[in-house]
Amino acid sequence: MIGLSVAVGRFIEALFWAILRVAGTVTAGVFAAALVLTVVFILIRRIVRKRRKA
């Protein structure tokens, strides 16, 4: 019975870490996408401003 309990505990722990790994990956992807969009937005604004001055 103790062996089964340990196996279930290890399974739950592995599941927990897998969920955290996926959540961390998704979070990193969202932050990276937000950073890229911010940089692109700033570059587009600069290009538009330069064209208006010229």
Protein backbone atom coordinates (compact mmCIF):
# COMPACT_ATOMS: atom_id res chain seq x y z
CA MET A 1 0.00 0.00 0.00
CA ILE A 2 2.87 2.38 0.77
CA GLY A 3 4.39 1.72 -2.66
CA LEU A 4 1.14 2.70 -4.36
CA SER A 5 0.92 5.85 -2.27
CA VAL A 6 4.48 6.82 -3.25
CA ALA A 7 3.72 6.13 -6.91
CA VAL A 8 0.60 8.28 -6.81
CA GLY A 9 2.53 11.05 -5.04
CA ARG A 10 5.27 10.98 -7.64
CA PHE A 11 2.70 11.04 -10.45
CA ILE A 12 0.96 14.08 -8.94
CA GLU A 13 4.32 15.80 -8.49
CA ALA A 14 5.32 15.09 -12.11
CA LEU A 15 1.95 16.36 -13.31
CA PHE A 16 2.34 19.51 -11.23
CA TRP A 17 5.80 20.26 -12.65
CA ALA A 18 4.62 19.54 -16.20
CA ILE A 19 1.76 22.01 -15.79
CA LEU A 20 4.14 24.63 -14.40
CA ARG A 21 6.56 24.06 -17.28
CA VAL A 22 3.81 24.56 -19.86
CA ALA A 23 2.50 27.63 -18.03
CA GLY A 24 6.02 29.08 -17.91
CA THR A 25 6.52 28.46 -21.62
CA VAL A 26 3.21 30.10 -22.49
CA THR A 27 4.00 33.08 -20.26
CA ALA A 28 7.41 33.52 -21.86
CA GLY A 29 5.81 33.35 -25.30
CA VAL A 30 3.24 35.99 -24.40
CA PHE A 31 5.92 38.31 -23.01
CA ALA A 32 8.09 37.80 -26.10
CA ALA A 33 5.15 38.54 -28.41
CA ALA A 34 4.28 41.67 -26.44
CA LEU A 35 7.89 42.85 -26.62
CA VAL A 36 8.06 42.27 -30.38
CA LEU A 37 4.75 44.07 -30.95
CA THR A 38 5.91 47.02 -28.85
CA VAL A 39 9.17 47.33 -30.77
CA VAL A 40 7.36 47.07 -34.12
CA PHE A 41 4.84 49.72 -33.03
CA ILE A 42 7.63 52.11 -31.99
CA LEU A 43 9.51 51.57 -35.26
CA ILE A 44 6.37 52.17 -37.33
CA ARG A 45 5.66 55.39 -35.42
CA ARG A 46 9.21 56.63 -36.09
CA ILE A 47 8.94 55.82 -39.80
CA VAL A 48 5.60 57.61 -40.08
CA ARG A 49 6.96 60.68 -38.26
CA LYS A 50 9.99 60.87 -40.58
CA ARG A 51 7.78 60.66 -43.67
CA ARG A 52 5.53 63.47 -42.42
CA LYS A 53 8.53 65.76 -41.86
CA ALA A 54 9.96 65.13 -45.32
